[in-house]
Amino acid sequence: MSRSPRIFIIAVLFFGPLILLGEGTERLSPKKVANFFAKDHEGKRHELYQQSGAKAIVLIFTSVGCPIAEKSVPKIKELRNEFGPKGVVFWLVDSNPDDDLASTGQEAKDFRIDMPILLDHSQAVALSVSAKRTAEAFCIEPKTWTLFYRGAIDDQLGYGTEKGRVNHPYLSNALNSFLSGKKVSPERTDVKGCLIQFTQVHKE
């Protein structure tokens, strides 16, 4: 019995930080996002590192016909309208090799998407940030080209479900915290979206 306090202290020292982190507070790796360029659905060329004058760059993955991505369009447009004037650049990224210029252009027309949809047919953009699903947002800080948030836009949409209201506006909170110089928390959240079908091995 005399060893119990020591065992408890050791357990707290080694496992306590894991317990305290809790759900939805996973830290991000400081890995630098590699430069990339891609053409959008209108044929315009975009390069990540040319956005060095922006306050932040937000990449949100999408694909033609994904219901969660399509339902997220109004949310994304609202965020663009709010944070665009503050220096935040929003790009949609379609990494599905089957989504050609015609189908992506039609998707943009049907859902009134008035922002660039980058065609990532090589999947280099998705691989550079380890994207796995559509509707996931990646927020990049252009001074170091590292991520300060990745995850869900909010907690409203799920697989075949939709809450009546948003309880956790994750992306909006992350951008507001970052722009005001505050700590972003959580830095990473789980996202519900369509799986990106990779033509090569995808490693985290």
N, C-alpha and C. Protein backbone atom coordinates (compact mmCIF):
# COMPACT_ATOMS: atom_id res chain seq x y z
N MET A 1 0.82 -1.22 0.00
CA MET A 1 0.00 0.00 0.00
C MET A 1 0.84 1.26 0.00
N SER A 2 2.06 1.16 0.55
CA SER A 2 2.92 2.35 0.64
C SER A 2 3.37 2.82 -0.72
N ARG A 3 3.26 1.97 -1.74
CA ARG A 3 3.71 2.38 -3.06
C ARG A 3 2.62 3.10 -3.86
N SER A 4 1.40 3.07 -3.40
CA SER A 4 0.29 3.64 -4.15
C SER A 4 0.47 5.11 -4.47
N PRO A 5 0.86 5.98 -3.49
CA PRO A 5 1.04 7.40 -3.81
C PRO A 5 2.06 7.62 -4.90
N ARG A 6 3.17 6.83 -4.86
CA ARG A 6 4.20 7.00 -5.88
C ARG A 6 3.66 6.63 -7.26
N ILE A 7 2.91 5.54 -7.31
CA ILE A 7 2.34 5.11 -8.58
C ILE A 7 1.39 6.17 -9.12
N PHE A 8 0.59 6.76 -8.21
CA PHE A 8 -0.36 7.79 -8.63
C PHE A 8 0.37 9.01 -9.19
N ILE A 9 1.44 9.43 -8.52
CA ILE A 9 2.19 10.60 -8.96
C ILE A 9 2.81 10.34 -10.32
N ILE A 10 3.37 9.14 -10.51
CA ILE A 10 3.97 8.81 -11.80
C ILE A 10 2.90 8.82 -12.89
N ALA A 11 1.73 8.28 -12.59
CA ALA A 11 0.65 8.26 -13.58
C ALA A 11 0.23 9.66 -13.98
N VAL A 12 0.15 10.57 -13.01
CA VAL A 12 -0.23 11.95 -13.31
C VAL A 12 0.82 12.62 -14.17
N LEU A 13 2.10 12.39 -13.83
CA LEU A 13 3.19 13.02 -14.57
C LEU A 13 3.21 12.57 -16.02
N PHE A 14 2.98 11.28 -16.23
CA PHE A 14 3.09 10.75 -17.58
C PHE A 14 1.79 10.84 -18.38
N PHE A 15 0.64 10.64 -17.71
CA PHE A 15 -0.60 10.59 -18.44
C PHE A 15 -1.47 11.83 -18.22
N GLY A 16 -1.15 12.61 -17.21
CA GLY A 16 -1.94 13.79 -16.92
C GLY A 16 -2.08 14.74 -18.08
N PRO A 17 -0.98 15.11 -18.78
CA PRO A 17 -1.11 16.03 -19.91
C PRO A 17 -2.04 15.51 -20.98
N LEU A 18 -2.06 14.18 -21.20
CA LEU A 18 -2.95 13.61 -22.21
C LEU A 18 -4.39 13.76 -21.78
N ILE A 19 -4.65 13.56 -20.50
CA ILE A 19 -6.00 13.67 -19.99
C ILE A 19 -6.47 15.12 -20.04
N LEU A 20 -5.59 16.04 -19.69
CA LEU A 20 -5.96 17.45 -19.64
C LEU A 20 -6.24 18.02 -21.01
N LEU A 21 -5.60 17.46 -22.07
CA LEU A 21 -5.84 17.98 -23.40
C LEU A 21 -7.29 17.81 -23.80
N GLY A 22 -7.86 16.64 -23.52
CA GLY A 22 -9.27 16.42 -23.77
C GLY A 22 -9.62 16.37 -25.23
N GLU A 23 -10.92 16.23 -25.50
CA GLU A 23 -11.40 16.11 -26.87
C GLU A 23 -11.42 17.47 -27.55
N GLY A 24 -11.00 17.49 -28.83
CA GLY A 24 -11.08 18.69 -29.63
C GLY A 24 -9.98 19.70 -29.35
N THR A 25 -8.92 19.32 -28.65
CA THR A 25 -7.83 20.26 -28.36
C THR A 25 -6.50 19.74 -28.85
N GLU A 26 -6.52 18.90 -29.87
CA GLU A 26 -5.28 18.36 -30.40
C GLU A 26 -4.43 19.48 -30.98
N ARG A 27 -3.13 19.44 -30.67
CA ARG A 27 -2.23 20.47 -31.15
C ARG A 27 -1.81 20.20 -32.58
N LEU A 28 -1.50 21.26 -33.31
CA LEU A 28 -1.06 21.13 -34.69
C LEU A 28 0.45 21.01 -34.77
N SER A 29 0.91 20.27 -35.74
CA SER A 29 2.34 20.19 -36.02
C SER A 29 2.77 21.50 -36.68
N PRO A 30 3.95 22.03 -36.33
CA PRO A 30 4.41 23.28 -36.93
C PRO A 30 4.98 23.11 -38.34
N LYS A 31 4.66 22.00 -38.99
CA LYS A 31 5.17 21.70 -40.32
C LYS A 31 4.82 22.81 -41.31
N LYS A 32 5.80 23.21 -42.11
CA LYS A 32 5.61 24.26 -43.10
C LYS A 32 4.84 23.73 -44.29
N VAL A 33 3.87 24.51 -44.77
CA VAL A 33 3.09 24.12 -45.94
C VAL A 33 3.89 24.48 -47.18
N ALA A 34 4.14 23.52 -48.04
CA ALA A 34 4.94 23.75 -49.25
C ALA A 34 4.19 24.65 -50.23
N ASN A 35 4.94 25.39 -51.01
CA ASN A 35 4.33 26.23 -52.02
C ASN A 35 3.65 25.37 -53.08
N PHE A 36 2.60 25.89 -53.68
CA PHE A 36 1.93 25.20 -54.77
C PHE A 36 1.27 26.22 -55.67
N PHE A 37 0.98 25.82 -56.89
CA PHE A 37 0.16 26.64 -57.76
C PHE A 37 -0.82 25.74 -58.50
N ALA A 38 -1.98 26.30 -58.80
CA ALA A 38 -3.02 25.53 -59.48
C ALA A 38 -3.95 26.50 -60.19
N LYS A 39 -4.60 26.02 -61.23
CA LYS A 39 -5.59 26.82 -61.93
C LYS A 39 -6.96 26.56 -61.31
N ASP A 40 -7.79 27.60 -61.33
CA ASP A 40 -9.13 27.43 -60.79
C ASP A 40 -10.12 27.05 -61.89
N HIS A 41 -11.40 27.00 -61.54
CA HIS A 41 -12.43 26.55 -62.47
C HIS A 41 -12.67 27.53 -63.61
N GLU A 42 -12.08 28.72 -63.51
CA GLU A 42 -12.17 29.70 -64.60
C GLU A 42 -10.87 29.81 -65.37
N GLY A 43 -9.91 28.94 -65.04
CA GLY A 43 -8.64 28.93 -65.77
C GLY A 43 -7.61 29.90 -65.24
N LYS A 44 -7.89 30.56 -64.11
CA LYS A 44 -6.94 31.51 -63.53
C LYS A 44 -5.93 30.79 -62.65
N ARG A 45 -4.68 31.20 -62.73
CA ARG A 45 -3.60 30.56 -61.98
C ARG A 45 -3.44 31.20 -60.62
N HIS A 46 -3.28 30.38 -59.59
CA HIS A 46 -3.09 30.87 -58.22
C HIS A 46 -1.88 30.18 -57.62
N GLU A 47 -1.06 30.96 -56.90
CA GLU A 47 0.12 30.41 -56.24
C GLU A 47 0.09 30.79 -54.76
N LEU A 48 0.29 29.81 -53.89
CA LEU A 48 0.19 30.06 -52.45
C LEU A 48 1.14 31.16 -52.00
N TYR A 49 2.42 31.05 -52.32
CA TYR A 49 3.40 31.98 -51.79
C TYR A 49 3.29 33.39 -52.36
N GLN A 50 2.45 33.57 -53.38
CA GLN A 50 2.19 34.92 -53.87
C GLN A 50 1.20 35.67 -52.98
N GLN A 51 0.65 34.95 -52.00
CA GLN A 51 -0.30 35.55 -51.07
C GLN A 51 0.37 36.03 -49.79
N SER A 52 1.64 36.38 -49.88
CA SER A 52 2.41 36.78 -48.69
C SER A 52 1.87 38.06 -48.06
N GLY A 53 1.12 38.85 -48.80
CA GLY A 53 0.57 40.08 -48.25
C GLY A 53 -0.75 39.88 -47.52
N ALA A 54 -1.28 38.67 -47.58
CA ALA A 54 -2.54 38.39 -46.90
C ALA A 54 -2.32 38.22 -45.40
N LYS A 55 -3.36 38.42 -44.62
CA LYS A 55 -3.27 38.17 -43.18
C LYS A 55 -3.34 36.68 -42.89
N ALA A 56 -4.09 35.95 -43.72
CA ALA A 56 -4.23 34.50 -43.58
C ALA A 56 -4.80 33.95 -44.88
N ILE A 57 -4.54 32.69 -45.14
CA ILE A 57 -5.11 32.00 -46.29
C ILE A 57 -5.89 30.80 -45.78
N VAL A 58 -7.13 30.66 -46.24
CA VAL A 58 -7.97 29.55 -45.82
C VAL A 58 -8.24 28.66 -47.03
N LEU A 59 -7.85 27.41 -46.94
CA LEU A 59 -8.15 26.41 -47.96
C LEU A 59 -9.28 25.54 -47.42
N ILE A 60 -10.32 25.36 -48.21
CA ILE A 60 -11.42 24.47 -47.82
C ILE A 60 -11.64 23.47 -48.95
N PHE A 61 -11.56 22.20 -48.63
CA PHE A 61 -11.64 21.17 -49.65
C PHE A 61 -13.08 20.85 -50.01
N THR A 62 -13.29 20.56 -51.29
CA THR A 62 -14.62 20.31 -51.81
C THR A 62 -14.54 19.28 -52.91
N SER A 63 -15.69 18.83 -53.39
CA SER A 63 -15.75 17.97 -54.57
C SER A 63 -17.16 18.04 -55.14
N VAL A 64 -17.27 17.80 -56.43
CA VAL A 64 -18.57 17.87 -57.09
C VAL A 64 -19.48 16.78 -56.54
N GLY A 65 -20.66 17.18 -56.10
CA GLY A 65 -21.66 16.23 -55.64
C GLY A 65 -21.58 15.84 -54.17
N CYS A 66 -20.61 16.36 -53.44
CA CYS A 66 -20.53 16.03 -52.01
C CYS A 66 -21.57 16.87 -51.26
N PRO A 67 -22.56 16.24 -50.63
CA PRO A 67 -23.65 17.01 -49.99
C PRO A 67 -23.19 17.91 -48.86
N ILE A 68 -22.24 17.46 -48.06
CA ILE A 68 -21.77 18.30 -46.95
C ILE A 68 -21.02 19.52 -47.49
N ALA A 69 -20.20 19.31 -48.52
CA ALA A 69 -19.49 20.43 -49.12
C ALA A 69 -20.46 21.42 -49.74
N GLU A 70 -21.48 20.89 -50.42
CA GLU A 70 -22.45 21.78 -51.07
C GLU A 70 -23.25 22.57 -50.03
N LYS A 71 -23.65 21.92 -48.94
CA LYS A 71 -24.40 22.62 -47.90
C LYS A 71 -23.53 23.65 -47.16
N SER A 72 -22.22 23.48 -47.25
CA SER A 72 -21.30 24.39 -46.56
C SER A 72 -21.05 25.67 -47.34
N VAL A 73 -21.45 25.71 -48.61
CA VAL A 73 -21.16 26.88 -49.46
C VAL A 73 -21.68 28.18 -48.86
N PRO A 74 -22.94 28.26 -48.43
CA PRO A 74 -23.40 29.53 -47.84
C PRO A 74 -22.58 29.96 -46.62
N LYS A 75 -22.17 28.99 -45.79
CA LYS A 75 -21.35 29.30 -44.62
C LYS A 75 -20.00 29.89 -45.06
N ILE A 76 -19.41 29.25 -46.07
CA ILE A 76 -18.09 29.70 -46.55
C ILE A 76 -18.18 31.10 -47.13
N LYS A 77 -19.24 31.37 -47.88
CA LYS A 77 -19.42 32.69 -48.47
C LYS A 77 -19.60 33.75 -47.39
N GLU A 78 -20.34 33.41 -46.33
CA GLU A 78 -20.52 34.36 -45.23
C GLU A 78 -19.19 34.66 -44.55
N LEU A 79 -18.37 33.62 -44.34
CA LEU A 79 -17.06 33.82 -43.73
C LEU A 79 -16.16 34.65 -44.64
N ARG A 80 -16.22 34.36 -45.94
CA ARG A 80 -15.42 35.16 -46.89
C ARG A 80 -15.83 36.62 -46.86
N ASN A 81 -17.14 36.85 -46.81
CA ASN A 81 -17.63 38.23 -46.78
C ASN A 81 -17.23 38.95 -45.49
N GLU A 82 -17.15 38.20 -44.39
CA GLU A 82 -16.77 38.81 -43.11
C GLU A 82 -15.27 39.03 -43.00
N PHE A 83 -14.49 38.02 -43.40
CA PHE A 83 -13.04 38.10 -43.16
C PHE A 83 -12.23 38.52 -44.39
N GLY A 84 -12.83 38.47 -45.57
CA GLY A 84 -12.12 38.93 -46.76
C GLY A 84 -11.66 40.37 -46.65
N PRO A 85 -12.53 41.29 -46.21
CA PRO A 85 -12.10 42.69 -46.05
C PRO A 85 -11.02 42.88 -44.99
N LYS A 86 -10.83 41.85 -44.14
CA LYS A 86 -9.80 41.92 -43.10
C LYS A 86 -8.48 41.31 -43.56
N GLY A 87 -8.41 40.94 -44.85
CA GLY A 87 -7.16 40.44 -45.39
C GLY A 87 -7.03 38.93 -45.45
N VAL A 88 -8.14 38.21 -45.28
CA VAL A 88 -8.10 36.75 -45.32
C VAL A 88 -8.51 36.27 -46.71
N VAL A 89 -7.70 35.43 -47.31
CA VAL A 89 -7.96 34.88 -48.64
C VAL A 89 -8.62 33.51 -48.49
N PHE A 90 -9.71 33.28 -49.23
CA PHE A 90 -10.42 32.00 -49.20
C PHE A 90 -10.31 31.33 -50.56
N TRP A 91 -9.83 30.08 -50.56
CA TRP A 91 -9.80 29.26 -51.77
C TRP A 91 -10.48 27.94 -51.48
N LEU A 92 -11.34 27.50 -52.38
CA LEU A 92 -11.83 26.14 -52.35
C LEU A 92 -10.85 25.28 -53.15
N VAL A 93 -10.70 24.04 -52.75
CA VAL A 93 -9.76 23.13 -53.43
C VAL A 93 -10.49 21.83 -53.74
N ASP A 94 -10.51 21.45 -55.01
CA ASP A 94 -11.11 20.19 -55.45
C ASP A 94 -9.99 19.25 -55.85
N SER A 95 -9.76 18.22 -55.03
CA SER A 95 -8.68 17.27 -55.27
C SER A 95 -9.17 15.96 -55.87
N ASN A 96 -10.40 15.94 -56.33
CA ASN A 96 -10.95 14.74 -56.96
C ASN A 96 -10.54 14.73 -58.43
N PRO A 97 -9.71 13.76 -58.87
CA PRO A 97 -9.24 13.74 -60.25
C PRO A 97 -10.37 13.62 -61.28
N ASP A 98 -11.54 13.12 -60.86
CA ASP A 98 -12.66 12.95 -61.78
C ASP A 98 -13.44 14.24 -62.02
N ASP A 99 -13.19 15.27 -61.22
CA ASP A 99 -13.91 16.53 -61.37
C ASP A 99 -13.17 17.41 -62.37
N ASP A 100 -13.66 17.46 -63.59
CA ASP A 100 -12.99 18.23 -64.63
C ASP A 100 -13.47 19.68 -64.62
N LEU A 101 -12.96 20.45 -65.57
CA LEU A 101 -13.28 21.87 -65.63
C LEU A 101 -14.77 22.10 -65.84
N ALA A 102 -15.39 21.26 -66.68
CA ALA A 102 -16.80 21.44 -66.98
C ALA A 102 -17.68 21.16 -65.76
N SER A 103 -17.43 20.03 -65.06
CA SER A 103 -18.26 19.68 -63.91
C SER A 103 -18.05 20.64 -62.74
N THR A 104 -16.81 21.08 -62.56
CA THR A 104 -16.54 22.03 -61.48
C THR A 104 -17.17 23.39 -61.78
N GLY A 105 -17.10 23.79 -63.04
CA GLY A 105 -17.72 25.05 -63.44
C GLY A 105 -19.23 25.02 -63.28
N GLN A 106 -19.84 23.87 -63.58
CA GLN A 106 -21.28 23.73 -63.40
C GLN A 106 -21.65 23.77 -61.93
N GLU A 107 -20.83 23.13 -61.09
CA GLU A 107 -21.05 23.16 -59.64
C GLU A 107 -21.01 24.60 -59.13
N ALA A 108 -20.03 25.36 -59.61
CA ALA A 108 -19.92 26.75 -59.20
C ALA A 108 -21.15 27.55 -59.62
N LYS A 109 -21.65 27.26 -60.80
CA LYS A 109 -22.84 27.96 -61.29
C LYS A 109 -24.07 27.56 -60.50
N ASP A 110 -24.24 26.27 -60.25
CA ASP A 110 -25.44 25.78 -59.55
C ASP A 110 -25.53 26.31 -58.12
N PHE A 111 -24.36 26.43 -57.46
CA PHE A 111 -24.36 26.85 -56.06
C PHE A 111 -23.86 28.28 -55.87
N ARG A 112 -23.77 29.01 -56.97
CA ARG A 112 -23.40 30.43 -56.95
C ARG A 112 -22.10 30.66 -56.18
N ILE A 113 -21.13 29.84 -56.50
CA ILE A 113 -19.81 29.96 -55.86
C ILE A 113 -19.02 31.04 -56.57
N ASP A 114 -18.74 32.12 -55.87
CA ASP A 114 -18.05 33.26 -56.49
C ASP A 114 -16.66 33.43 -55.90
N MET A 115 -15.98 32.32 -55.69
CA MET A 115 -14.59 32.35 -55.24
C MET A 115 -13.84 31.25 -55.98
N PRO A 116 -12.52 31.31 -56.03
CA PRO A 116 -11.77 30.31 -56.80
C PRO A 116 -11.95 28.89 -56.28
N ILE A 117 -12.15 27.96 -57.20
CA ILE A 117 -12.12 26.53 -56.89
C ILE A 117 -10.88 25.97 -57.57
N LEU A 118 -9.84 25.72 -56.81
CA LEU A 118 -8.59 25.23 -57.39
C LEU A 118 -8.74 23.76 -57.78
N LEU A 119 -8.33 23.43 -59.00
CA LEU A 119 -8.40 22.06 -59.48
C LEU A 119 -7.07 21.37 -59.17
N ASP A 120 -7.10 20.56 -58.16
CA ASP A 120 -5.90 19.88 -57.65
C ASP A 120 -5.85 18.45 -58.18
N HIS A 121 -5.79 18.30 -59.49
CA HIS A 121 -5.82 16.97 -60.09
C HIS A 121 -4.60 16.12 -59.72
N SER A 122 -3.48 16.76 -59.46
CA SER A 122 -2.28 16.02 -59.04
C SER A 122 -2.36 15.64 -57.56
N GLN A 123 -3.31 16.24 -56.85
CA GLN A 123 -3.53 16.04 -55.41
C GLN A 123 -2.35 16.53 -54.57
N ALA A 124 -1.51 17.36 -55.16
CA ALA A 124 -0.35 17.89 -54.45
C ALA A 124 -0.77 18.80 -53.30
N VAL A 125 -1.84 19.58 -53.51
CA VAL A 125 -2.30 20.50 -52.46
C VAL A 125 -2.84 19.70 -51.28
N ALA A 126 -3.66 18.70 -51.57
CA ALA A 126 -4.23 17.88 -50.50
C ALA A 126 -3.13 17.16 -49.72
N LEU A 127 -2.16 16.63 -50.43
CA LEU A 127 -1.07 15.91 -49.78
C LEU A 127 -0.19 16.85 -48.96
N SER A 128 -0.05 18.10 -49.40
CA SER A 128 0.83 19.04 -48.70
C SER A 128 0.31 19.39 -47.31
N VAL A 129 -1.01 19.31 -47.13
CA VAL A 129 -1.59 19.62 -45.81
C VAL A 129 -2.21 18.39 -45.14
N SER A 130 -2.04 17.22 -45.77
CA SER A 130 -2.58 15.95 -45.25
C SER A 130 -4.10 15.98 -45.14
N ALA A 131 -4.75 16.59 -46.14
CA ALA A 131 -6.21 16.60 -46.16
C ALA A 131 -6.74 15.20 -46.42
N LYS A 132 -7.87 14.89 -45.81
CA LYS A 132 -8.49 13.57 -46.00
C LYS A 132 -9.95 13.66 -46.44
N ARG A 133 -10.63 14.73 -46.05
CA ARG A 133 -12.05 14.85 -46.34
C ARG A 133 -12.39 16.24 -46.88
N THR A 134 -13.51 16.29 -47.58
CA THR A 134 -14.03 17.59 -48.00
C THR A 134 -14.61 18.30 -46.78
N ALA A 135 -14.89 19.58 -46.96
CA ALA A 135 -15.44 20.45 -45.91
C ALA A 135 -14.45 20.69 -44.78
N GLU A 136 -13.19 20.30 -44.96
CA GLU A 136 -12.18 20.60 -43.95
C GLU A 136 -11.45 21.88 -44.32
N ALA A 137 -11.27 22.73 -43.34
CA ALA A 137 -10.62 24.02 -43.54
C ALA A 137 -9.19 23.97 -43.01
N PHE A 138 -8.28 24.60 -43.73
CA PHE A 138 -6.87 24.71 -43.34
C PHE A 138 -6.50 26.18 -43.36
N CYS A 139 -6.14 26.73 -42.21
CA CYS A 139 -5.79 28.14 -42.09
C CYS A 139 -4.28 28.30 -42.03
N ILE A 140 -3.74 29.07 -42.96
CA ILE A 140 -2.29 29.21 -43.10
C ILE A 140 -1.86 30.62 -42.73
N GLU A 141 -0.82 30.70 -41.92
CA GLU A 141 -0.22 31.98 -41.54
C GLU A 141 0.91 32.27 -42.52
N PRO A 142 0.82 33.37 -43.32
CA PRO A 142 1.77 33.58 -44.41
C PRO A 142 3.17 34.05 -44.02
N LYS A 143 3.40 34.37 -42.76
CA LYS A 143 4.76 34.75 -42.37
C LYS A 143 5.67 33.53 -42.29
N THR A 144 5.12 32.43 -41.81
CA THR A 144 5.91 31.20 -41.68
C THR A 144 5.36 30.08 -42.55
N TRP A 145 4.20 30.30 -43.17
CA TRP A 145 3.53 29.30 -44.01
C TRP A 145 3.23 28.02 -43.22
N THR A 146 2.80 28.20 -41.99
CA THR A 146 2.39 27.07 -41.16
C THR A 146 0.91 27.20 -40.83
N LEU A 147 0.30 26.09 -40.44
CA LEU A 147 -1.11 26.08 -40.11
C LEU A 147 -1.35 26.58 -38.68
N PHE A 148 -2.41 27.36 -38.51
CA PHE A 148 -2.81 27.73 -37.15
C PHE A 148 -4.17 27.12 -36.79
N TYR A 149 -4.86 26.56 -37.78
CA TYR A 149 -6.09 25.81 -37.51
C TYR A 149 -6.37 24.88 -38.67
N ARG A 150 -6.87 23.68 -38.34
CA ARG A 150 -7.41 22.77 -39.36
C ARG A 150 -8.58 22.02 -38.75
N GLY A 151 -9.62 21.85 -39.56
CA GLY A 151 -10.76 21.10 -39.04
C GLY A 151 -12.08 21.59 -39.61
N ALA A 152 -13.12 21.40 -38.83
CA ALA A 152 -14.48 21.70 -39.27
C ALA A 152 -14.74 23.20 -39.33
N ILE A 153 -15.68 23.57 -40.20
CA ILE A 153 -16.14 24.96 -40.25
C ILE A 153 -16.93 25.27 -38.98
N ASP A 154 -17.82 24.36 -38.63
CA ASP A 154 -18.57 24.46 -37.38
C ASP A 154 -19.10 23.06 -37.05
N ASP A 155 -20.02 22.98 -36.10
CA ASP A 155 -20.50 21.66 -35.66
C ASP A 155 -21.92 21.37 -36.12
N GLN A 156 -22.41 22.08 -37.14
CA GLN A 156 -23.81 21.93 -37.52
C GLN A 156 -24.09 20.73 -38.42
N LEU A 157 -23.24 20.47 -39.41
CA LEU A 157 -23.50 19.43 -40.39
C LEU A 157 -22.83 18.11 -40.02
N GLY A 158 -23.54 17.02 -40.26
CA GLY A 158 -22.99 15.69 -40.03
C GLY A 158 -23.38 14.77 -41.16
N TYR A 159 -23.15 13.49 -40.99
CA TYR A 159 -23.49 12.52 -42.02
C TYR A 159 -24.99 12.25 -41.98
N GLY A 160 -25.73 12.90 -42.87
CA GLY A 160 -27.17 12.74 -42.92
C GLY A 160 -27.90 13.46 -41.82
N THR A 161 -27.22 14.30 -41.07
CA THR A 161 -27.84 15.04 -39.98
C THR A 161 -27.50 16.52 -40.08
N GLU A 162 -28.31 17.34 -39.46
CA GLU A 162 -28.06 18.78 -39.43
C GLU A 162 -28.70 19.36 -38.19
N LYS A 163 -27.88 19.98 -37.34
CA LYS A 163 -28.39 20.62 -36.14
C LYS A 163 -29.18 21.88 -36.50
N GLY A 164 -30.08 22.24 -35.61
CA GLY A 164 -30.88 23.43 -35.85
C GLY A 164 -30.08 24.72 -35.80
N ARG A 165 -28.98 24.69 -35.07
CA ARG A 165 -28.14 25.89 -34.98
C ARG A 165 -26.69 25.49 -34.74
N VAL A 166 -25.81 26.45 -34.96
CA VAL A 166 -24.38 26.23 -34.74
C VAL A 166 -24.05 26.50 -33.28
N ASN A 167 -23.45 25.54 -32.62
CA ASN A 167 -23.02 25.74 -31.23
C ASN A 167 -21.55 26.13 -31.14
N HIS A 168 -20.76 25.63 -32.09
CA HIS A 168 -19.33 25.90 -32.07
C HIS A 168 -18.86 26.35 -33.46
N PRO A 169 -18.75 27.65 -33.68
CA PRO A 169 -18.27 28.17 -34.96
C PRO A 169 -16.73 28.13 -35.03
N TYR A 170 -16.19 26.92 -35.18
CA TYR A 170 -14.75 26.70 -35.04
C TYR A 170 -13.90 27.61 -35.93
N LEU A 171 -14.23 27.66 -37.22
CA LEU A 171 -13.40 28.42 -38.15
C LEU A 171 -13.47 29.91 -37.86
N SER A 172 -14.65 30.42 -37.61
CA SER A 172 -14.81 31.83 -37.29
C SER A 172 -14.04 32.19 -36.02
N ASN A 173 -14.15 31.35 -35.01
CA ASN A 173 -13.42 31.61 -33.76
C ASN A 173 -11.92 31.59 -33.98
N ALA A 174 -11.45 30.64 -34.79
CA ALA A 174 -10.01 30.54 -35.05
C ALA A 174 -9.50 31.78 -35.76
N LEU A 175 -10.24 32.26 -36.74
CA LEU A 175 -9.81 33.45 -37.48
C LEU A 175 -9.85 34.69 -36.60
N ASN A 176 -10.91 34.83 -35.81
CA ASN A 176 -10.99 35.99 -34.92
C ASN A 176 -9.85 36.00 -33.91
N SER A 177 -9.55 34.83 -33.35
CA SER A 177 -8.46 34.75 -32.38
C SER A 177 -7.13 35.07 -33.04
N PHE A 178 -6.89 34.49 -34.19
CA PHE A 178 -5.62 34.72 -34.88
C PHE A 178 -5.43 36.18 -35.25
N LEU A 179 -6.45 36.79 -35.83
CA LEU A 179 -6.34 38.18 -36.27
C LEU A 179 -6.18 39.15 -35.11
N SER A 180 -6.67 38.77 -33.95
CA SER A 180 -6.54 39.65 -32.77
C SER A 180 -5.30 39.32 -31.94
N GLY A 181 -4.48 38.38 -32.44
CA GLY A 181 -3.25 38.04 -31.75
C GLY A 181 -3.42 37.14 -30.55
N LYS A 182 -4.57 36.50 -30.44
CA LYS A 182 -4.82 35.60 -29.32
C LYS A 182 -4.51 34.15 -29.70
N LYS A 183 -4.39 33.31 -28.70
CA LYS A 183 -4.13 31.90 -28.94
C LYS A 183 -5.35 31.24 -29.56
N VAL A 184 -5.13 30.49 -30.63
CA VAL A 184 -6.21 29.76 -31.28
C VAL A 184 -6.45 28.45 -30.54
N SER A 185 -7.68 28.25 -30.09
CA SER A 185 -8.03 27.03 -29.36
C SER A 185 -9.49 26.69 -29.61
N PRO A 186 -9.78 25.49 -30.10
CA PRO A 186 -8.82 24.43 -30.43
C PRO A 186 -8.10 24.70 -31.75
N GLU A 187 -6.92 24.13 -31.89
CA GLU A 187 -6.16 24.27 -33.13
C GLU A 187 -6.60 23.25 -34.17
N ARG A 188 -7.22 22.17 -33.71
CA ARG A 188 -7.63 21.11 -34.63
C ARG A 188 -8.93 20.49 -34.13
N THR A 189 -9.87 20.27 -35.06
CA THR A 189 -11.13 19.63 -34.72
C THR A 189 -11.45 18.55 -35.75
N ASP A 190 -12.30 17.62 -35.35
CA ASP A 190 -12.75 16.57 -36.26
C ASP A 190 -13.69 17.16 -37.30
N VAL A 191 -13.60 16.62 -38.51
CA VAL A 191 -14.44 17.12 -39.60
C VAL A 191 -15.23 15.98 -40.21
N LYS A 192 -16.46 16.27 -40.59
CA LYS A 192 -17.31 15.30 -41.28
C LYS A 192 -17.45 15.76 -42.72
N GLY A 193 -17.03 14.93 -43.65
CA GLY A 193 -17.09 15.27 -45.06
C GLY A 193 -16.85 14.03 -45.89
N CYS A 194 -16.92 14.19 -47.20
CA CYS A 194 -16.68 13.06 -48.10
C CYS A 194 -15.19 12.75 -48.17
N LEU A 195 -14.86 11.47 -48.16
CA LEU A 195 -13.46 11.07 -48.26
C LEU A 195 -12.86 11.49 -49.60
N ILE A 196 -11.67 12.02 -49.57
CA ILE A 196 -10.93 12.31 -50.80
C ILE A 196 -10.31 11.01 -51.28
N GLN A 197 -10.58 10.66 -52.52
CA GLN A 197 -10.05 9.42 -53.08
C GLN A 197 -8.68 9.69 -53.69
N PHE A 198 -7.65 9.19 -53.03
CA PHE A 198 -6.29 9.45 -53.49
C PHE A 198 -5.83 8.39 -54.47
N THR A 199 -5.06 8.85 -55.45
CA THR A 199 -4.50 7.92 -56.44
C THR A 199 -3.13 7.44 -56.02
N GLN A 200 -2.63 7.93 -54.89
CA GLN A 200 -1.36 7.49 -54.36
C GLN A 200 -1.49 7.36 -52.85
N VAL A 201 -0.50 6.77 -52.21
CA VAL A 201 -0.55 6.56 -50.77
C VAL A 201 -0.60 7.90 -50.05
N HIS A 202 -1.54 8.03 -49.11
CA HIS A 202 -1.71 9.27 -48.34
C HIS A 202 -1.21 9.02 -46.93
N LYS A 203 -0.16 9.73 -46.56
CA LYS A 203 0.41 9.58 -45.23
C LYS A 203 0.19 10.84 -44.43
N GLU A 204 -0.15 10.68 -43.14
CA GLU A 204 -0.39 11.82 -42.24
C GLU A 204 0.94 12.54 -41.99
